[in-house]
């Protein structure tokens, strides 16, 4: 994961980040030299911490480092208390919540927190931050889950998820939580929801599934991988069909219809599951509770 160096010199905060420690140290020393500050290796390390990596999250740096998303993620981490079992979701905003939990554990603000990751990206970030991790099979329930969303409805407890193709495991872990907190930003709001809904399907059912989506009035699109030829496969070996229905006035009905499609493993409509949405804005952080 990426590294960030933060140091306060007088009234000025020096902050640089890079994808690895060597590069961030070089950048930090350049900035420190500019203001005439010299730090030893150990003192320099004291001001370096793990932060979400745009490269590992597979998002543009401007998205991961967007201040409103960072604010939303950091604020969402405030719901975690010592002794909690926490679902660690997927996405650029949720990554900041995971980072904040790790920082709090390192600083002693939190103790005895265990995490269950919804994706490999979240697992790797949490592990590097020192968050104790265990498998979902160890639990019947979780105290809280913090997850992201591709789109959320400020008037209803529904979201669309699955941009990272992890929605099946996300839905499992989120449904186990006594409280589901969505960490996001104000740019992702919509009433009604209209974002294309990811549908993970068995590879051999991809054509049948797409025809069923068309019969339901949707426009299906098989998702293709970005770094290799051919379609994208989920961690469970399934394909993803993105289903565009436009504005969905009946989200509950749409979820039911998608679940009926032959060969469908899971869809990205999280209906009636959300307890709180904590979202970054241009000016700060706001929230909605259901």
Protein backbone atom coordinates (compact mmCIF):
# COMPACT_ATOMS: atom_id res chain seq x y z
CA UNK A 1 0.00 0.00 0.00
CA UNK A 2 1.00 3.63 -0.39
CA UNK A 3 2.86 5.63 2.23
CA UNK A 4 2.28 9.20 3.41
CA UNK A 5 4.71 11.48 5.23
CA UNK A 6 3.17 14.24 7.32
CA UNK A 7 5.15 16.76 9.36
CA UNK A 8 4.27 20.14 10.84
CA UNK A 9 6.93 22.85 10.65
CA UNK A 10 5.77 26.06 12.24
CA UNK A 11 2.44 26.91 10.62
CA UNK A 12 3.12 24.76 7.57
CA UNK A 13 2.11 21.11 7.16
CA UNK A 14 4.42 19.13 4.92
CA UNK A 15 2.58 16.17 3.39
CA UNK A 16 3.76 13.92 0.56
CA UNK A 17 2.71 10.44 -0.54
CA UNK A 18 4.05 7.74 -2.83
CA UNK A 19 3.40 4.11 -3.69
CA UNK A 20 6.39 2.86 -1.67
CA UNK A 21 8.53 3.89 1.29
CA UNK A 22 11.70 4.66 -0.70
CA UNK A 23 9.93 7.15 -2.93
CA UNK A 24 8.06 8.84 -0.08
CA UNK A 25 11.32 9.23 1.88
CA UNK A 26 12.94 10.90 -1.13
CA UNK A 27 10.01 13.28 -1.53
CA UNK A 28 9.92 14.01 2.20
CA UNK A 29 13.63 14.85 2.35
CA UNK A 30 13.27 17.20 -0.62
CA UNK A 31 10.47 19.10 1.09
CA UNK A 32 12.28 19.15 4.43
CA UNK A 33 15.43 20.50 2.77
CA UNK A 34 13.37 23.32 1.30
CA UNK A 35 12.40 24.50 4.79
CA UNK A 36 15.74 23.73 6.40
CA UNK A 37 14.65 20.77 8.55
CA UNK A 38 16.78 17.68 9.04
CA UNK A 39 15.30 14.44 10.42
CA UNK A 40 17.05 11.18 11.16
CA UNK A 41 15.82 7.91 9.69
CA UNK A 42 13.95 6.84 12.83
CA UNK A 43 12.31 10.23 13.30
CA UNK A 44 11.37 10.27 9.64
CA UNK A 45 9.74 6.84 10.01
CA UNK A 46 7.70 8.15 12.94
CA UNK A 47 5.91 10.47 10.52
CA UNK A 48 5.22 7.89 7.79
CA UNK A 49 2.03 5.86 7.80
CA UNK A 50 0.17 3.51 5.48
CA UNK A 51 -2.53 5.09 3.33
CA UNK A 52 -4.79 3.70 0.57
CA UNK A 53 -2.99 3.06 -2.69
CA UNK A 54 -4.70 4.14 -5.94
CA UNK A 55 -2.71 1.46 -7.73
CA UNK A 56 -3.96 -1.33 -5.48
CA UNK A 57 -7.54 -0.08 -5.27
CA UNK A 58 -7.66 0.21 -9.08
CA UNK A 59 -9.00 3.76 -8.96
CA UNK A 60 -7.66 7.00 -10.34
CA UNK A 61 -5.43 8.83 -7.83
CA UNK A 62 -7.73 11.85 -7.94
CA UNK A 63 -10.63 9.62 -6.85
CA UNK A 64 -8.79 7.90 -4.01
CA UNK A 65 -7.21 11.12 -2.79
CA UNK A 66 -10.35 13.23 -3.22
CA UNK A 67 -10.77 15.20 -0.02
CA UNK A 68 -14.52 14.62 0.30
CA UNK A 69 -14.04 10.84 0.02
CA UNK A 70 -11.20 10.93 2.50
CA UNK A 71 -13.32 12.91 4.95
CA UNK A 72 -16.24 10.52 4.60
CA UNK A 73 -14.02 7.49 5.23
CA UNK A 74 -12.22 8.97 8.21
CA UNK A 75 -15.50 10.00 9.83
CA UNK A 76 -17.03 6.55 9.27
CA UNK A 77 -14.18 4.98 11.25
CA UNK A 78 -15.45 6.86 14.32
CA UNK A 79 -18.28 4.32 14.70
CA UNK A 80 -15.76 1.61 15.64
CA UNK A 81 -15.20 1.00 19.34
CA UNK A 82 -12.77 -1.20 21.23
CA UNK A 83 -13.73 -4.86 21.30
CA UNK A 84 -15.77 -4.73 18.10
CA UNK A 85 -15.80 -7.23 15.23
CA UNK A 86 -15.88 -5.14 12.07
CA UNK A 87 -16.67 -5.84 8.44
CA UNK A 88 -14.14 -4.01 6.26
CA UNK A 89 -15.67 -3.06 2.95
CA UNK A 90 -14.28 -2.28 -0.47
CA UNK A 91 -13.71 0.97 -2.35
CA UNK A 92 -11.78 4.21 -2.33
CA UNK A 93 -13.76 5.84 0.50
CA UNK A 94 -13.94 2.73 2.66
CA UNK A 95 -10.18 2.36 2.30
CA UNK A 96 -9.76 5.57 4.30
CA UNK A 97 -11.99 4.15 7.05
CA UNK A 98 -9.79 1.04 7.17
CA UNK A 99 -6.70 3.24 7.32
CA UNK A 100 -8.14 5.26 10.20
CA UNK A 101 -8.98 2.11 12.16
CA UNK A 102 -5.40 0.93 11.72
CA UNK A 103 -3.99 4.28 12.84
CA UNK A 104 -6.21 4.25 15.92
CA UNK A 105 -5.05 0.75 16.84
CA UNK A 106 -1.44 1.79 16.40
CA UNK A 107 -1.96 4.88 18.58
CA UNK A 108 -3.75 2.91 21.28
CA UNK A 109 -7.09 4.67 20.75
CA UNK A 110 -8.66 1.31 19.89
CA UNK A 111 -8.02 -2.15 21.30
CA UNK A 112 -9.18 -5.70 20.58
CA UNK A 113 -10.73 -4.93 17.21
CA UNK A 114 -11.02 -7.78 14.70
CA UNK A 115 -11.72 -7.27 11.04
CA UNK A 116 -13.30 -9.36 8.28
CA UNK A 117 -12.37 -8.11 4.81
CA UNK A 118 -14.80 -8.12 1.89
CA UNK A 119 -12.06 -8.26 -0.76
CA UNK A 120 -8.39 -9.00 -1.28
CA UNK A 121 -7.67 -5.28 -1.57
CA UNK A 122 -9.26 -4.57 1.81
CA UNK A 123 -7.54 -7.60 3.33
CA UNK A 124 -4.10 -6.45 2.18
CA UNK A 125 -4.64 -2.86 3.33
CA UNK A 126 -5.88 -3.99 6.76
CA UNK A 127 -3.02 -6.44 7.17
CA UNK A 128 -0.38 -3.82 6.39
CA UNK A 129 -2.04 -1.47 8.86
CA UNK A 130 -1.84 -4.12 11.58
CA UNK A 131 -5.58 -4.74 11.94
CA UNK A 132 -6.12 -8.31 13.25
CA UNK A 133 -8.02 -10.25 10.60
CA UNK A 134 -10.05 -13.41 10.72
CA UNK A 135 -12.37 -15.26 8.35
CA UNK A 136 -16.09 -14.74 8.02
CA UNK A 137 -16.69 -18.37 9.09
CA UNK A 138 -15.56 -17.41 12.61
CA UNK A 139 -18.66 -15.29 13.18
CA UNK A 140 -22.42 -15.54 13.32
CA UNK A 141 -22.70 -11.75 13.44
CA UNK A 142 -20.59 -8.60 13.39
CA UNK A 143 -20.94 -5.44 15.43
CA UNK A 144 -20.64 -3.13 12.45
CA UNK A 145 -19.68 -3.17 8.79
CA UNK A 146 -18.27 -0.16 6.98
CA UNK A 147 -18.66 -0.35 3.22
CA UNK A 148 -18.79 1.88 0.18
CA UNK A 149 -21.32 2.37 -2.60
CA UNK A 150 -21.38 3.14 -6.29
CA UNK A 151 -24.64 5.01 -5.75
CA UNK A 152 -26.84 5.69 -2.71
CA UNK A 153 -30.34 6.98 -2.15
CA UNK A 154 -30.64 9.70 0.52
CA UNK A 155 -34.35 8.89 0.96
CA UNK A 156 -34.19 5.10 1.25
CA UNK A 157 -31.85 2.52 2.85
CA UNK A 158 -30.74 1.14 -0.53
CA UNK A 159 -27.41 1.27 -2.41
CA UNK A 160 -25.89 -0.10 -5.59
CA UNK A 161 -22.57 -1.87 -5.11
CA UNK A 162 -20.26 -4.05 -7.16
CA UNK A 163 -18.00 -1.68 -9.08
CA UNK A 164 -15.10 -3.73 -7.73
CA UNK A 165 -16.86 -7.04 -8.48
CA UNK A 166 -16.84 -7.99 -4.78
CA UNK A 167 -20.57 -7.54 -4.16
CA UNK A 168 -21.30 -11.19 -3.31
CA UNK A 169 -18.87 -11.29 -0.38
CA UNK A 170 -19.77 -7.71 0.53
CA UNK A 171 -23.44 -8.59 0.79
CA UNK A 172 -22.67 -11.64 2.94
CA UNK A 173 -20.54 -9.67 5.40
CA UNK A 174 -22.75 -6.57 5.39
CA UNK A 175 -25.84 -8.66 6.12
CA UNK A 176 -24.13 -10.16 9.18
CA UNK A 177 -23.56 -6.75 10.76
CA UNK A 178 -25.80 -5.32 13.45
CA UNK A 179 -25.14 -1.96 11.84
CA UNK A 180 -24.20 -1.22 8.23
CA UNK A 181 -22.49 2.13 7.69
CA UNK A 182 -21.93 3.32 4.14
CA UNK A 183 -18.90 5.60 3.71
CA UNK A 184 -19.21 7.66 0.54
CA UNK A 185 -19.47 11.18 -0.87
CA UNK A 186 -22.27 13.49 -1.89
CA UNK A 187 -21.58 13.08 -5.61
CA UNK A 188 -22.93 9.52 -5.59
CA UNK A 189 -26.50 10.35 -4.55
CA UNK A 190 -29.53 9.56 -6.69
CA UNK A 191 -33.28 9.22 -6.11
CA UNK A 192 -34.31 6.85 -7.52
CA UNK A 193 -31.23 4.73 -7.97
CA UNK A 194 -30.11 4.54 -11.60
CA UNK A 195 -26.59 3.09 -11.59
CA UNK A 196 -26.12 -0.11 -13.64
CA UNK A 197 -26.53 -3.09 -11.33
CA UNK A 198 -23.71 -5.66 -11.35
CA UNK A 199 -24.93 -9.24 -11.60
CA UNK A 200 -22.43 -12.06 -11.02
CA UNK A 201 -23.35 -15.15 -13.03
CA UNK A 202 -21.98 -18.60 -13.75
CA UNK A 203 -19.80 -18.38 -16.88
CA UNK A 204 -21.98 -20.85 -18.80
CA UNK A 205 -25.12 -18.83 -18.01
CA UNK A 206 -23.86 -15.49 -19.33
CA UNK A 207 -25.94 -15.53 -22.51
CA UNK A 208 -29.11 -16.78 -20.81
CA UNK A 209 -28.69 -14.24 -18.03
CA UNK A 210 -28.28 -11.36 -20.45
CA UNK A 211 -31.43 -12.38 -22.32
CA UNK A 212 -33.38 -12.43 -19.05
CA UNK A 213 -32.08 -8.92 -18.28
CA UNK A 214 -33.33 -7.73 -21.68
CA UNK A 215 -36.73 -9.30 -21.01
CA UNK A 216 -36.83 -7.33 -17.76
CA UNK A 217 -36.28 -4.12 -19.70
CA UNK A 218 -32.59 -3.75 -18.99
CA UNK A 219 -29.51 -3.36 -21.13
CA UNK A 220 -26.88 -5.96 -20.15
CA UNK A 221 -23.15 -5.57 -20.69
CA UNK A 222 -20.58 -8.25 -19.93
CA UNK A 223 -17.77 -6.63 -17.95
CA UNK A 224 -14.30 -7.02 -19.41
CA UNK A 225 -10.97 -7.00 -17.58
CA UNK A 226 -8.74 -3.94 -17.89
CA UNK A 227 -5.30 -5.54 -17.69
CA UNK A 228 -5.89 -8.68 -19.76
CA UNK A 229 -7.87 -9.89 -22.74
CA UNK A 230 -11.32 -11.29 -22.12
CA UNK A 231 -14.00 -10.85 -19.46
CA UNK A 232 -13.45 -10.08 -15.81
CA UNK A 233 -13.76 -13.00 -13.39
CA UNK A 234 -14.74 -12.53 -9.74
CA UNK A 235 -12.84 -14.08 -6.85
CA UNK A 236 -15.44 -16.88 -6.94
CA UNK A 237 -14.86 -17.61 -10.62
CA UNK A 238 -17.99 -15.94 -11.94
CA UNK A 239 -18.54 -13.34 -14.64
CA UNK A 240 -20.13 -9.92 -14.10
CA UNK A 241 -22.97 -8.56 -16.21
CA UNK A 242 -23.68 -4.86 -15.65
CA UNK A 243 -27.42 -4.30 -16.02
CA UNK A 244 -28.62 -0.81 -16.93
CA UNK A 245 -32.30 -0.25 -16.14
CA UNK A 246 -32.18 3.53 -15.98
CA UNK A 247 -34.10 4.96 -13.03
CA UNK A 248 -35.40 2.16 -10.79
CA UNK A 249 -38.65 3.24 -9.18
CA UNK A 250 -39.22 -0.21 -7.65
CA UNK A 251 -35.86 -1.24 -6.23
CA UNK A 252 -37.32 -4.08 -4.17
CA UNK A 253 -39.04 -5.55 -7.21
CA UNK A 254 -35.95 -5.16 -9.34
CA UNK A 255 -33.86 -7.01 -6.76
CA UNK A 256 -36.38 -9.87 -6.69
CA UNK A 257 -36.42 -10.15 -10.49
CA UNK A 258 -32.62 -10.18 -10.73
CA UNK A 259 -32.37 -12.93 -8.11
CA UNK A 260 -34.66 -15.12 -10.27
CA UNK A 261 -32.32 -15.14 -13.26
CA UNK A 262 -30.95 -18.64 -13.98
CA UNK A 263 -27.27 -18.94 -13.08
CA UNK A 264 -27.25 -15.67 -11.14
CA UNK A 265 -25.05 -15.83 -8.07
CA UNK A 266 -25.64 -12.36 -6.60
CA UNK A 267 -26.67 -8.86 -7.66
CA UNK A 268 -25.43 -5.48 -6.48
CA UNK A 269 -28.68 -4.06 -5.09
CA UNK A 270 -28.41 -3.85 -1.30
CA UNK A 271 -32.06 -3.32 -0.42
CA UNK A 272 -33.16 -2.16 3.02
CA UNK A 273 -29.76 -2.99 4.51
CA UNK A 274 -28.31 0.44 5.23
CA UNK A 275 -28.45 1.92 8.74
CA UNK A 276 -26.30 5.01 8.23
CA UNK A 277 -24.64 6.86 5.38
CA UNK A 278 -21.66 9.04 6.27
CA UNK A 279 -20.60 11.13 3.33
CA UNK A 280 -18.01 13.73 2.56
CA UNK A 281 -19.05 17.07 1.08
CA UNK A 282 -17.18 20.04 -0.34
CA UNK A 283 -17.32 21.69 3.08
CA UNK A 284 -17.09 18.78 5.52
CA UNK A 285 -19.00 15.64 6.46
CA UNK A 286 -22.71 14.91 6.77
CA UNK A 287 -24.79 11.81 7.53
CA UNK A 288 -28.18 10.20 7.03
CA UNK A 289 -29.68 7.53 9.30
CA UNK A 290 -32.54 5.17 8.46
